[in-house]
Amino acid sequence: MILTTTPSIEGRRIKAYLGIVTGEAIMGANLFKDFFAGIRDIVGGRSTAYEQELIRAKDIALQELRENAAALGADAVVGIDLDYEVLGQANSMLMVSASGTAVKLE
């Protein structure tokens, strides 16, 4: 399955638009990750624990989007948009949502 943020796929013609598909992932922040990220903020540097969690959430959202498109018989999803939000008390949850248009290619 081709996933792209562009509205078309170079060299391929879209023959049918099957509808909007989405995928979401909501990840809870871990107490230890928060503690070590706080230390990292003080001493400087990147928070690899949060970066890894962000990557994992994105991968889950895209996999769910892919599965929803496959259920419609799609060959690709075009125009994908990724959104990142924080939710919950004290912004303790990370949400990644992916949406796009499922299409059938010639």
PDB file of N, CA and C in Angstrom:
ATOM      1  N   MET A   1       0.848  -1.177   0.000  1.00  0.00           N
ATOM      2  CA  MET A   1       0.000   0.000   0.000  1.00  0.00           C
ATOM      3  C   MET A   1       0.889   1.233   0.000  1.00  0.00           C
ATOM      4  N   ILE A   2       0.600   2.136  -0.916  1.00  0.00           N
ATOM      5  CA  ILE A   2       1.357   3.385  -1.001  1.00  0.00           C
ATOM      6  C   ILE A   2       0.689   4.405  -0.077  1.00  0.00           C
ATOM      7  N   LEU A   3       1.485   5.020   0.788  1.00  0.00           N
ATOM      8  CA  LEU A   3       1.012   6.098   1.656  1.00  0.00           C
ATOM      9  C   LEU A   3       1.796   7.350   1.294  1.00  0.00           C
ATOM     10  N   THR A   4       1.086   8.450   1.029  1.00  0.00           N
ATOM     11  CA  THR A   4       1.778   9.678   0.639  1.00  0.00           C
ATOM     12  C   THR A   4       1.026  10.918   1.115  1.00  0.00           C
ATOM     13  N   THR A   5       1.785  11.962   1.365  1.00  0.00           N
ATOM     14  CA  THR A   5       1.181  13.242   1.742  1.00  0.00           C
ATOM     15  C   THR A   5       0.771  14.053   0.516  1.00  0.00           C
ATOM     16  N   THR A   6       1.202  13.621  -0.654  1.00  0.00           N
ATOM     17  CA  THR A   6       0.882  14.353  -1.890  1.00  0.00           C
ATOM     18  C   THR A   6      -0.524  13.986  -2.370  1.00  0.00           C
ATOM     19  N   PRO A   7      -1.148  14.834  -3.201  1.00  0.00           N
ATOM     20  CA  PRO A   7      -2.508  14.553  -3.665  1.00  0.00           C
ATOM     21  C   PRO A   7      -2.576  13.531  -4.805  1.00  0.00           C
ATOM     22  N   SER A   8      -1.420  13.150  -5.334  1.00  0.00           N
ATOM     23  CA  SER A   8      -1.388  12.172  -6.424  1.00  0.00           C
ATOM     24  C   SER A   8      -0.115  11.348  -6.289  1.00  0.00           C
ATOM     25  N   ILE A   9      -0.016  10.323  -7.144  1.00  0.00           N
ATOM     26  CA  ILE A   9       1.159   9.454  -7.151  1.00  0.00           C
ATOM     27  C   ILE A   9       1.759   9.530  -8.541  1.00  0.00           C
ATOM     28  N   GLU A  10       2.986  10.013  -8.616  1.00  0.00           N
ATOM     29  CA  GLU A  10       3.631  10.212  -9.906  1.00  0.00           C
ATOM     30  C   GLU A  10       3.662   8.906 -10.697  1.00  0.00           C
ATOM     31  N   GLY A  11       3.218   9.001 -11.963  1.00  0.00           N
ATOM     32  CA  GLY A  11       3.238   7.848 -12.851  1.00  0.00           C
ATOM     33  C   GLY A  11       2.067   6.899 -12.678  1.00  0.00           C
ATOM     34  N   ARG A  12       1.159   7.187 -11.742  1.00  0.00           N
ATOM     35  CA  ARG A  12      -0.015   6.340 -11.506  1.00  0.00           C
ATOM     36  C   ARG A  12      -1.271   7.196 -11.587  1.00  0.00           C
ATOM     37  N   ARG A  13      -2.310   6.645 -12.171  1.00  0.00           N
ATOM     38  CA  ARG A  13      -3.576   7.360 -12.302  1.00  0.00           C
ATOM     39  C   ARG A  13      -4.557   6.827 -11.272  1.00  0.00           C
ATOM     40  N   ILE A  14      -5.218   7.738 -10.573  1.00  0.00           N
ATOM     41  CA  ILE A  14      -6.256   7.353  -9.615  1.00  0.00           C
ATOM     42  C   ILE A  14      -7.532   7.086 -10.388  1.00  0.00           C
ATOM     43  N   LYS A  15      -8.086   5.881 -10.231  1.00  0.00           N
ATOM     44  CA  LYS A  15      -9.321   5.564 -10.957  1.00  0.00           C
ATOM     45  C   LYS A  15     -10.562   5.644 -10.078  1.00  0.00           C
ATOM     46  N   ALA A  16     -10.376   5.603  -8.746  1.00  0.00           N
ATOM     47  CA  ALA A  16     -11.532   5.722  -7.852  1.00  0.00           C
ATOM     48  C   ALA A  16     -11.098   6.252  -6.492  1.00  0.00           C
ATOM     49  N   TYR A  17     -11.917   7.143  -5.972  1.00  0.00           N
ATOM     50  CA  TYR A  17     -11.730   7.653  -4.616  1.00  0.00           C
ATOM     51  C   TYR A  17     -12.686   6.871  -3.717  1.00  0.00           C
ATOM     52  N   LEU A  18     -12.142   6.201  -2.715  1.00  0.00           N
ATOM     53  CA  LEU A  18     -12.945   5.292  -1.892  1.00  0.00           C
ATOM     54  C   LEU A  18     -13.419   5.913  -0.583  1.00  0.00           C
ATOM     55  N   GLY A  19     -12.866   7.051  -0.228  1.00  0.00           N
ATOM     56  CA  GLY A  19     -13.316   7.730   0.983  1.00  0.00           C
ATOM     57  C   GLY A  19     -12.167   8.099   1.903  1.00  0.00           C
ATOM     58  N   ILE A  20     -12.509   8.861   2.914  1.00  0.00           N
ATOM     59  CA  ILE A  20     -11.530   9.302   3.900  1.00  0.00           C
ATOM     60  C   ILE A  20     -11.283   8.168   4.890  1.00  0.00           C
ATOM     61  N   VAL A  21     -10.020   7.950   5.195  1.00  0.00           N
ATOM     62  CA  VAL A  21      -9.649   6.952   6.202  1.00  0.00           C
ATOM     63  C   VAL A  21      -8.813   7.638   7.279  1.00  0.00           C
ATOM     64  N   THR A  22      -8.873   7.073   8.478  1.00  0.00           N
ATOM     65  CA  THR A  22      -8.139   7.656   9.598  1.00  0.00           C
ATOM     66  C   THR A  22      -7.453   6.567  10.412  1.00  0.00           C
ATOM     67  N   GLY A  23      -6.527   7.005  11.207  1.00  0.00           N
ATOM     68  CA  GLY A  23      -5.872   6.145  12.186  1.00  0.00           C
ATOM     69  C   GLY A  23      -5.446   7.019  13.346  1.00  0.00           C
ATOM     70  N   GLU A  24      -5.595   6.501  14.556  1.00  0.00           N
ATOM     71  CA  GLU A  24      -5.243   7.278  15.737  1.00  0.00           C
ATOM     72  C   GLU A  24      -4.449   6.424  16.715  1.00  0.00           C
ATOM     73  N   ALA A  25      -3.624   7.095  17.489  1.00  0.00           N
ATOM     74  CA  ALA A  25      -2.914   6.446  18.588  1.00  0.00           C
ATOM     75  C   ALA A  25      -2.825   7.441  19.728  1.00  0.00           C
ATOM     76  N   ILE A  26      -3.208   6.992  20.921  1.00  0.00           N
ATOM     77  CA  ILE A  26      -3.094   7.822  22.113  1.00  0.00           C
ATOM     78  C   ILE A  26      -2.188   7.079  23.081  1.00  0.00           C
ATOM     79  N   MET A  27      -1.103   7.733  23.440  1.00  0.00           N
ATOM     80  CA  MET A  27      -0.091   7.112  24.286  1.00  0.00           C
ATOM     81  C   MET A  27      -0.012   7.866  25.605  1.00  0.00           C
ATOM     82  N   GLY A  28       0.032   7.128  26.691  1.00  0.00           N
ATOM     83  CA  GLY A  28       0.182   7.727  28.012  1.00  0.00           C
ATOM     84  C   GLY A  28       1.643   7.953  28.334  1.00  0.00           C
ATOM     85  N   ALA A  29       1.912   9.038  28.999  1.00  0.00           N
ATOM     86  CA  ALA A  29       3.284   9.316  29.424  1.00  0.00           C
ATOM     87  C   ALA A  29       3.592   8.474  30.657  1.00  0.00           C
ATOM     88  N   ASN A  30       4.805   8.025  30.754  1.00  0.00           N
ATOM     89  CA  ASN A  30       5.263   7.167  31.835  1.00  0.00           C
ATOM     90  C   ASN A  30       5.955   8.020  32.883  1.00  0.00           C
ATOM     91  N   LEU A  31       5.733   7.702  34.161  1.00  0.00           N
ATOM     92  CA  LEU A  31       6.330   8.468  35.255  1.00  0.00           C
ATOM     93  C   LEU A  31       7.843   8.543  35.142  1.00  0.00           C
ATOM     94  N   PHE A  32       8.508   7.429  34.839  1.00  0.00           N
ATOM     95  CA  PHE A  32       9.968   7.429  34.746  1.00  0.00           C
ATOM     96  C   PHE A  32      10.446   8.219  33.530  1.00  0.00           C
ATOM     97  N   LYS A  33       9.730   8.094  32.413  1.00  0.00           N
ATOM     98  CA  LYS A  33      10.085   8.886  31.231  1.00  0.00           C
ATOM     99  C   LYS A  33       9.971  10.369  31.549  1.00  0.00           C
ATOM    100  N   ASP A  34       8.881  10.745  32.252  1.00  0.00           N
ATOM    101  CA  ASP A  34       8.697  12.146  32.633  1.00  0.00           C
ATOM    102  C   ASP A  34       9.843  12.626  33.518  1.00  0.00           C
ATOM    103  N   PHE A  35      10.233  11.807  34.477  1.00  0.00           N
ATOM    104  CA  PHE A  35      11.306  12.178  35.397  1.00  0.00           C
ATOM    105  C   PHE A  35      12.610  12.400  34.644  1.00  0.00           C
ATOM    106  N   PHE A  36      12.976  11.436  33.792  1.00  0.00           N
ATOM    107  CA  PHE A  36      14.242  11.562  33.065  1.00  0.00           C
ATOM    108  C   PHE A  36      14.182  12.651  31.996  1.00  0.00           C
ATOM    109  N   ALA A  37      13.007  12.867  31.421  1.00  0.00           N
ATOM    110  CA  ALA A  37      12.858  13.960  30.451  1.00  0.00           C
ATOM    111  C   ALA A  37      13.028  15.305  31.161  1.00  0.00           C
ATOM    112  N   GLY A  38      12.525  15.407  32.395  1.00  0.00           N
ATOM    113  CA  GLY A  38      12.702  16.634  33.173  1.00  0.00           C
ATOM    114  C   GLY A  38      14.168  16.906  33.447  1.00  0.00           C
ATOM    115  N   ILE A  39      14.901  15.867  33.792  1.00  0.00           N
ATOM    116  CA  ILE A  39      16.349  16.017  34.001  1.00  0.00           C
ATOM    117  C   ILE A  39      17.017  16.447  32.701  1.00  0.00           C
ATOM    118  N   ARG A  40      16.616  15.833  31.612  1.00  0.00           N
ATOM    119  CA  ARG A  40      17.186  16.164  30.302  1.00  0.00           C
ATOM    120  C   ARG A  40      16.920  17.628  29.968  1.00  0.00           C
ATOM    121  N   ASP A  41      15.720  18.120  30.324  1.00  0.00           N
ATOM    122  CA  ASP A  41      15.398  19.528  30.086  1.00  0.00           C
ATOM    123  C   ASP A  41      16.340  20.447  30.855  1.00  0.00           C
ATOM    124  N   ILE A  42      16.700  20.043  32.060  1.00  0.00           N
ATOM    125  CA  ILE A  42      17.575  20.870  32.896  1.00  0.00           C
ATOM    126  C   ILE A  42      18.997  20.879  32.353  1.00  0.00           C
ATOM    127  N   VAL A  43      19.526  19.697  32.005  1.00  0.00           N
ATOM    128  CA  VAL A  43      20.929  19.604  31.573  1.00  0.00           C
ATOM    129  C   VAL A  43      21.094  19.781  30.069  1.00  0.00           C
ATOM    130  N   GLY A  44      20.002  19.773  29.349  1.00  0.00           N
ATOM    131  CA  GLY A  44      20.071  19.951  27.897  1.00  0.00           C
ATOM    132  C   GLY A  44      20.113  18.630  27.169  1.00  0.00           C
ATOM    133  N   GLY A  45      19.899  18.670  25.889  1.00  0.00           N
ATOM    134  CA  GLY A  45      19.926  17.463  25.076  1.00  0.00           C
ATOM    135  C   GLY A  45      18.538  17.031  24.654  1.00  0.00           C
ATOM    136  N   ARG A  46      18.498  15.930  23.935  1.00  0.00           N
ATOM    137  CA  ARG A  46      17.247  15.415  23.396  1.00  0.00           C
ATOM    138  C   ARG A  46      16.663  14.375  24.334  1.00  0.00           C
ATOM    139  N   SER A  47      15.357  14.311  24.359  1.00  0.00           N
ATOM    140  CA  SER A  47      14.662  13.314  25.162  1.00  0.00           C
ATOM    141  C   SER A  47      14.337  12.124  24.260  1.00  0.00           C
ATOM    142  N   THR A  48      15.245  11.159  24.215  1.00  0.00           N
ATOM    143  CA  THR A  48      15.042  10.018  23.320  1.00  0.00           C
ATOM    144  C   THR A  48      13.848   9.174  23.723  1.00  0.00           C
ATOM    145  N   ALA A  49      13.516   9.128  25.012  1.00  0.00           N
ATOM    146  CA  ALA A  49      12.350   8.354  25.447  1.00  0.00           C
ATOM    147  C   ALA A  49      11.079   8.924  24.824  1.00  0.00           C
ATOM    148  N   TYR A  50      10.927  10.254  24.853  1.00  0.00           N
ATOM    149  CA  TYR A  50       9.754  10.872  24.243  1.00  0.00           C
ATOM    150  C   TYR A  50       9.800  10.771  22.725  1.00  0.00           C
ATOM    151  N   GLU A  51      10.966  10.920  22.138  1.00  0.00           N
ATOM    152  CA  GLU A  51      11.085  10.795  20.681  1.00  0.00           C
ATOM    153  C   GLU A  51      10.674   9.401  20.232  1.00  0.00           C
ATOM    154  N   GLN A  52      11.099   8.383  20.949  1.00  0.00           N
ATOM    155  CA  GLN A  52      10.739   7.007  20.601  1.00  0.00           C
ATOM    156  C   GLN A  52       9.233   6.781  20.749  1.00  0.00           C
ATOM    157  N   GLU A  53       8.643   7.359  21.783  1.00  0.00           N
ATOM    158  CA  GLU A  53       7.198   7.223  21.988  1.00  0.00           C
ATOM    159  C   GLU A  53       6.433   7.939  20.883  1.00  0.00           C
ATOM    160  N   LEU A  54       6.926   9.083  20.448  1.00  0.00           N
ATOM    161  CA  LEU A  54       6.303   9.823  19.356  1.00  0.00           C
ATOM    162  C   LEU A  54       6.370   9.030  18.050  1.00  0.00           C
ATOM    163  N   ILE A  55       7.510   8.435  17.777  1.00  0.00           N
ATOM    164  CA  ILE A  55       7.672   7.604  16.579  1.00  0.00           C
ATOM    165  C   ILE A  55       6.736   6.407  16.634  1.00  0.00           C
ATOM    166  N   ARG A  56       6.646   5.781  17.811  1.00  0.00           N
ATOM    167  CA  ARG A  56       5.771   4.614  17.971  1.00  0.00           C
ATOM    168  C   ARG A  56       4.309   4.992  17.740  1.00  0.00           C
ATOM    169  N   ALA A  57       3.879   6.140  18.281  1.00  0.00           N
ATOM    170  CA  ALA A  57       2.501   6.597  18.094  1.00  0.00           C
ATOM    171  C   ALA A  57       2.215   6.870  16.621  1.00  0.00           C
ATOM    172  N   LYS A  58       3.163   7.502  15.930  1.00  0.00           N
ATOM    173  CA  LYS A  58       2.991   7.779  14.492  1.00  0.00           C
ATOM    174  C   LYS A  58       2.871   6.477  13.709  1.00  0.00           C
ATOM    175  N   ASP A  59       3.729   5.511  14.017  1.00  0.00           N
ATOM    176  CA  ASP A  59       3.694   4.223  13.318  1.00  0.00           C
ATOM    177  C   ASP A  59       2.376   3.494  13.541  1.00  0.00           C
ATOM    178  N   ILE A  60       1.856   3.542  14.767  1.00  0.00           N
ATOM    179  CA  ILE A  60       0.570   2.902  15.066  1.00  0.00           C
ATOM    180  C   ILE A  60      -0.560   3.578  14.296  1.00  0.00           C
ATOM    181  N   ALA A  61      -0.573   4.912  14.278  1.00  0.00           N
ATOM    182  CA  ALA A  61      -1.622   5.649  13.566  1.00  0.00           C
ATOM    183  C   ALA A  61      -1.583   5.346  12.072  1.00  0.00           C
ATOM    184  N   LEU A  62      -0.391   5.296  11.487  1.00  0.00           N
ATOM    185  CA  LEU A  62      -0.279   4.990  10.050  1.00  0.00           C
ATOM    186  C   LEU A  62      -0.655   3.545   9.753  1.00  0.00           C
ATOM    187  N   GLN A  63      -0.333   2.621  10.635  1.00  0.00           N
ATOM    188  CA  GLN A  63      -0.720   1.224  10.435  1.00  0.00           C
ATOM    189  C   GLN A  63      -2.238   1.077  10.482  1.00  0.00           C
ATOM    190  N   GLU A  64      -2.883   1.768  11.417  1.00  0.00           N
ATOM    191  CA  GLU A  64      -4.344   1.732  11.498  1.00  0.00           C
ATOM    192  C   GLU A  64      -4.963   2.342  10.239  1.00  0.00           C
ATOM    193  N   LEU A  65      -4.393   3.453   9.754  1.00  0.00           N
ATOM    194  CA  LEU A  65      -4.864   4.083   8.519  1.00  0.00           C
ATOM    195  C   LEU A  65      -4.735   3.104   7.354  1.00  0.00           C
ATOM    196  N   ARG A  66      -3.589   2.426   7.258  1.00  0.00           N
ATOM    197  CA  ARG A  66      -3.327   1.443   6.201  1.00  0.00           C
ATOM    198  C   ARG A  66      -4.368   0.308   6.247  1.00  0.00           C
ATOM    199  N   GLU A  67      -4.639  -0.202   7.445  1.00  0.00           N
ATOM    200  CA  GLU A  67      -5.612  -1.289   7.600  1.00  0.00           C
ATOM    201  C   GLU A  67      -7.016  -0.845   7.212  1.00  0.00           C
ATOM    202  N   ASN A  68      -7.399   0.376   7.590  1.00  0.00           N
ATOM    203  CA  ASN A  68      -8.722   0.888   7.226  1.00  0.00           C
ATOM    204  C   ASN A  68      -8.844   1.084   5.717  1.00  0.00           C
ATOM    205  N   ALA A  69      -7.769   1.519   5.079  1.00  0.00           N
ATOM    206  CA  ALA A  69      -7.779   1.671   3.617  1.00  0.00           C
ATOM    207  C   ALA A  69      -7.863   0.311   2.937  1.00  0.00           C
ATOM    208  N   ALA A  70      -7.118  -0.664   3.435  1.00  0.00           N
ATOM    209  CA  ALA A  70      -7.148  -2.019   2.855  1.00  0.00           C
ATOM    210  C   ALA A  70      -8.550  -2.627   2.954  1.00  0.00           C
ATOM    211  N   ALA A  71      -9.249  -2.348   4.039  1.00  0.00           N
ATOM    212  CA  ALA A  71     -10.611  -2.859   4.208  1.00  0.00           C
ATOM    213  C   ALA A  71     -11.560  -2.305   3.150  1.00  0.00           C
ATOM    214  N   LEU A  72     -11.226  -1.147   2.589  1.00  0.00           N
ATOM    215  CA  LEU A  72     -12.029  -0.560   1.514  1.00  0.00           C
ATOM    216  C   LEU A  72     -11.575  -1.034   0.136  1.00  0.00           C
ATOM    217  N   GLY A  73     -10.488  -1.812   0.085  1.00  0.00           N
ATOM    218  CA  GLY A  73      -9.956  -2.275  -1.187  1.00  0.00           C
ATOM    219  C   GLY A  73      -9.011  -1.288  -1.846  1.00  0.00           C
ATOM    220  N   ALA A  74      -8.443  -0.381  -1.079  1.00  0.00           N
ATOM    221  CA  ALA A  74      -7.572   0.663  -1.629  1.00  0.00           C
ATOM    222  C   ALA A  74      -6.190   0.118  -1.981  1.00  0.00           C
ATOM    223  N   ASP A  75      -5.571   0.761  -2.956  1.00  0.00           N
ATOM    224  CA  ASP A  75      -4.182   0.493  -3.327  1.00  0.00           C
ATOM    225  C   ASP A  75      -3.238   1.512  -2.693  1.00  0.00           C
ATOM    226  N   ALA A  76      -3.811   2.671  -2.297  1.00  0.00           N
ATOM    227  CA  ALA A  76      -2.986   3.757  -1.777  1.00  0.00           C
ATOM    228  C   ALA A  76      -3.845   4.694  -0.942  1.00  0.00           C
ATOM    229  N   VAL A  77      -3.154   5.522  -0.161  1.00  0.00           N
ATOM    230  CA  VAL A  77      -3.805   6.622   0.557  1.00  0.00           C
ATOM    231  C   VAL A  77      -3.033   7.885   0.203  1.00  0.00           C
ATOM    232  N   VAL A  78      -3.750   8.879  -0.324  1.00  0.00           N
ATOM    233  CA  VAL A  78      -3.122  10.133  -0.735  1.00  0.00           C
ATOM    234  C   VAL A  78      -3.555  11.256   0.189  1.00  0.00           C
ATOM    235  N   GLY A  79      -2.790  12.346   0.161  1.00  0.00           N
ATOM    236  CA  GLY A  79      -3.142  13.526   0.938  1.00  0.00           C
ATOM    237  C   GLY A  79      -3.108  13.302   2.440  1.00  0.00           C
ATOM    238  N   ILE A  80      -2.203  12.452   2.902  1.00  0.00           N
ATOM    239  CA  ILE A  80      -2.147  12.136   4.335  1.00  0.00           C
ATOM    240  C   ILE A  80      -1.716  13.367   5.132  1.00  0.00           C
ATOM    241  N   ASP A  81      -2.440  13.585   6.218  1.00  0.00           N
ATOM    242  CA  ASP A  81      -2.124  14.655   7.158  1.00  0.00           C
ATOM    243  C   ASP A  81      -1.900  14.019   8.524  1.00  0.00           C
ATOM    244  N   LEU A  82      -0.796  14.375   9.167  1.00  0.00           N
ATOM    245  CA  LEU A  82      -0.493  13.896  10.519  1.00  0.00           C
ATOM    246  C   LEU A  82      -0.680  15.045  11.494  1.00  0.00           C
ATOM    247  N   ASP A  83      -1.406  14.789  12.567  1.00  0.00           N
ATOM    248  CA  ASP A  83      -1.622  15.793  13.606  1.00  0.00           C
ATOM    249  C   ASP A  83      -1.139  15.241  14.933  1.00  0.00           C
ATOM    250  N   TYR A  84      -0.500  16.085  15.719  1.00  0.00           N
ATOM    251  CA  TYR A  84       0.025  15.724  17.028  1.00  0.00           C
ATOM    252  C   TYR A  84      -0.619  16.633  18.066  1.00  0.00           C
ATOM    253  N   GLU A  85      -1.153  16.041  19.136  1.00  0.00           N
ATOM    254  CA  GLU A  85      -1.790  16.808  20.205  1.00  0.00           C
ATOM    255  C   GLU A  85      -1.417  16.208  21.555  1.00  0.00           C
ATOM    256  N   VAL A  86      -1.496  17.020  22.589  1.00  0.00           N
ATOM    257  CA  VAL A  86      -1.382  16.515  23.953  1.00  0.00           C
ATOM    258  C   VAL A  86      -2.749  16.618  24.606  1.00  0.00           C
ATOM    259  N   LEU A  87      -3.080  15.619  25.411  1.00  0.00           N
ATOM    260  CA  LEU A  87      -4.404  15.525  26.029  1.00  0.00           C
ATOM    261  C   LEU A  87      -4.268  15.161  27.495  1.00  0.00           C
ATOM    262  N   GLY A  88      -5.392  15.194  28.189  1.00  0.00           N
ATOM    263  CA  GLY A  88      -5.444  14.704  29.559  1.00  0.00           C
ATOM    264  C   GLY A  88      -5.002  15.722  30.584  1.00  0.00           C
ATOM    265  N   GLN A  89      -5.126  15.295  31.847  1.00  0.00           N
ATOM    266  CA  GLN A  89      -4.682  16.158  32.937  1.00  0.00           C
ATOM    267  C   GLN A  89      -3.194  16.393  32.819  1.00  0.00           C
ATOM    268  N   ALA A  90      -2.801  17.615  32.976  1.00  0.00           N
ATOM    269  CA  ALA A  90      -1.387  18.003  32.902  1.00  0.00           C
ATOM    270  C   ALA A  90      -0.740  17.561  31.593  1.00  0.00           C
ATOM    271  N   ASN A  91      -1.553  17.487  30.526  1.00  0.00           N
ATOM    272  CA  ASN A  91      -1.031  17.093  29.208  1.00  0.00           C
ATOM    273  C   ASN A  91      -0.230  15.798  29.274  1.00  0.00           C
ATOM    274  N   SER A  92      -0.774  14.794  29.944  1.00  0.00           N
ATOM    275  CA  SER A  92      -0.051  13.549  30.178  1.00  0.00           C
ATOM    276  C   SER A  92      -0.227  12.513  29.072  1.00  0.00           C
ATOM    277  N   MET A  93      -1.004  12.828  28.057  1.00  0.00           N
ATOM    278  CA  MET A  93      -1.242  11.885  26.964  1.00  0.00           C
ATOM    279  C   MET A  93      -0.836  12.535  25.641  1.00  0.00           C
ATOM    280  N   LEU A  94      -0.305  11.713  24.748  1.00  0.00           N
ATOM    281  CA  LEU A  94       0.072  12.166  23.417  1.00  0.00           C
ATOM    282  C   LEU A  94      -0.848  11.496  22.418  1.00  0.00           C
ATOM    283  N   MET A  95      -1.445  12.275  21.522  1.00  0.00           N
ATOM    284  CA  MET A  95      -2.294  11.715  20.479  1.00  0.00           C
ATOM    285  C   MET A  95      -1.692  12.040  19.118  1.00  0.00           C
ATOM    286  N   VAL A  96      -1.607  11.031  18.275  1.00  0.00           N
ATOM    287  CA  VAL A  96      -1.221  11.219  16.881  1.00  0.00           C
ATOM    288  C   VAL A  96      -2.391  10.720  16.045  1.00  0.00           C
ATOM    289  N   SER A  97      -2.860  11.552  15.147  1.00  0.00           N
ATOM    290  CA  SER A  97      -3.924  11.128  14.235  1.00  0.00           C
ATOM    291  C   SER A  97      -3.436  11.311  12.801  1.00  0.00           C
ATOM    292  N   ALA A  98      -3.822  10.349  11.971  1.00  0.00           N
ATOM    293  CA  ALA A  98      -3.471  10.378  10.551  1.00  0.00           C
ATOM    294  C   ALA A  98      -4.767  10.267   9.764  1.00  0.00           C
ATOM    295  N   SER A  99      -4.905  11.089   8.728  1.00  0.00           N
ATOM    296  CA  SER A  99      -6.081  10.994   7.862  1.00  0.00           C
ATOM    297  C   SER A  99      -5.645  11.216   6.420  1.00  0.00           C
ATOM    298  N   GLY A 100      -6.390  10.619   5.519  1.00  0.00           N
ATOM    299  CA  GLY A 100      -6.092  10.752   4.101  1.00  0.00           C
ATOM    300  C   GLY A 100      -7.247  10.174   3.287  1.00  0.00           C
ATOM    301  N   THR A 101      -7.066  10.143   1.991  1.00  0.00           N
ATOM    302  CA  THR A 101      -8.082   9.624   1.082  1.00  0.00           C
ATOM    303  C   THR A 101      -7.634   8.296   0.508  1.00  0.00           C
ATOM    304  N   ALA A 102      -8.422   7.270   0.733  1.00  0.00           N
ATOM    305  CA  ALA A 102      -8.155   5.946   0.179  1.00  0.00           C
ATOM    306  C   ALA A 102      -8.519   5.962  -1.299  1.00  0.00           C
ATOM    307  N   VAL A 103      -7.625   5.443  -2.145  1.00  0.00           N
ATOM    308  CA  VAL A 103      -7.860   5.449  -3.591  1.00  0.00           C
ATOM    309  C   VAL A 103      -7.533   4.089  -4.205  1.00  0.00           C
ATOM    310  N   LYS A 104      -8.146   3.844  -5.345  1.00  0.00           N
ATOM    311  CA  LYS A 104      -7.866   2.685  -6.179  1.00  0.00           C
ATOM    312  C   LYS A 104      -7.084   3.201  -7.379  1.00  0.00           C
ATOM    313  N   LEU A 105      -5.964   2.564  -7.687  1.00  0.00           N
ATOM    314  CA  LEU A 105      -5.121   2.987  -8.807  1.00  0.00           C
ATOM    315  C   LEU A 105      -5.379   2.128 -10.031  1.00  0.00           C
ATOM    316  N   GLU A 106      -5.073   2.692 -11.217  1.00  0.00           N
ATOM    317  CA  GLU A 106      -5.172   1.897 -12.457  1.00  0.00           C
ATOM    318  C   GLU A 106      -4.010   0.951 -12.548  1.00  0.00           C
TER     319      GLU A 106
END
